[in-house]
Amino acid sequence: MIWFEYDQICPWDPSLHETRAECYIQMGEYYKAISDIRPTTSLRSDNRPAFLKMSHLYYKLGDAEESLK
């Protein structure tokens, strides 16, 4: 569980959030993955892949309206 606490030491590193989000996706924890991906959209300029990934996750969760935002 050290990895899951590492973002408290380095919260500005988007790669940590992205990697942990991928772990959450593999575990089926889509809301947690979205929570980790969302900050990366402001930590990196022009992070379109993060917006696309969030959109796909919202769609998987059945929230088509939120996936289009």
Protein backbone atom coordinates (compact mmCIF):
# COMPACT_ATOMS: atom_id res chain seq x y z
CA MET A 1 0.00 0.00 0.00
CA ILE A 2 3.01 2.31 -0.09
CA TRP A 3 2.15 3.26 -3.69
CA PHE A 4 -1.30 4.45 -2.66
CA GLU A 5 0.22 6.80 -0.08
CA TYR A 6 2.99 8.10 -2.32
CA ASP A 7 0.79 10.79 -3.83
CA GLN A 8 0.75 12.52 -0.45
CA ILE A 9 4.50 13.03 -0.73
CA CYS A 10 4.45 14.05 -4.42
CA PRO A 11 0.90 15.28 -5.17
CA TRP A 12 2.00 17.35 -8.18
CA ASP A 13 3.32 14.36 -10.18
CA PRO A 14 0.59 13.40 -12.68
CA SER A 15 2.25 10.11 -13.62
CA LEU A 16 1.61 8.79 -10.10
CA HIS A 17 -2.08 9.59 -10.36
CA GLU A 18 -2.29 8.07 -13.83
CA THR A 19 -0.56 4.86 -12.78
CA ARG A 20 -2.74 4.46 -9.71
CA ALA A 21 -5.81 5.16 -11.84
CA GLU A 22 -4.79 2.30 -14.13
CA CYS A 23 -4.59 0.03 -11.09
CA TYR A 24 -8.07 1.09 -10.03
CA ILE A 25 -9.37 0.42 -13.54
CA GLN A 26 -7.92 -3.09 -13.46
CA MET A 27 -9.65 -3.64 -10.11
CA GLY A 28 -12.95 -2.31 -11.46
CA GLU A 29 -12.91 0.73 -9.17
CA TYR A 30 -13.93 3.25 -11.83
CA TYR A 31 -14.98 6.06 -9.49
CA LYS A 32 -11.61 5.91 -7.73
CA ALA A 33 -9.88 5.92 -11.11
CA ILE A 34 -11.81 9.02 -12.15
CA SER A 35 -10.85 10.68 -8.86
CA ASP A 36 -7.20 10.06 -9.65
CA ILE A 37 -7.39 11.09 -13.30
CA ARG A 38 -9.26 14.36 -12.71
CA PRO A 39 -6.33 16.23 -11.05
CA THR A 40 -4.02 15.29 -13.92
CA THR A 41 -6.11 17.42 -16.26
CA SER A 42 -4.85 20.52 -14.47
CA LEU A 43 -1.37 19.22 -13.65
CA ARG A 44 -0.51 18.82 -17.34
CA SER A 45 -1.27 21.35 -20.00
CA ASP A 46 -3.36 19.87 -22.81
CA ASN A 47 -4.07 16.53 -21.17
CA ARG A 48 -6.68 15.35 -23.68
CA PRO A 49 -5.94 11.65 -23.06
CA ALA A 50 -7.04 12.10 -19.44
CA PHE A 51 -10.31 13.73 -20.48
CA LEU A 52 -10.91 10.90 -22.95
CA LYS A 53 -10.19 8.25 -20.33
CA MET A 54 -12.59 9.90 -17.86
CA SER A 55 -15.23 10.02 -20.57
CA HIS A 56 -14.84 6.30 -21.25
CA LEU A 57 -15.03 5.49 -17.55
CA TYR A 58 -18.19 7.52 -17.04
CA TYR A 59 -19.71 5.75 -20.04
CA LYS A 60 -18.80 2.34 -18.56
CA LEU A 61 -20.51 3.40 -15.36
CA GLY A 62 -23.66 4.18 -17.33
CA ASP A 63 -23.41 7.94 -16.97
CA ALA A 64 -23.58 8.88 -20.65
CA GLU A 65 -24.45 12.51 -19.89
CA GLU A 66 -21.37 13.05 -17.73
CA SER A 67 -19.21 11.27 -20.31
CA LEU A 68 -20.08 13.95 -22.85
CA LYS A 69 -18.97 16.88 -20.66
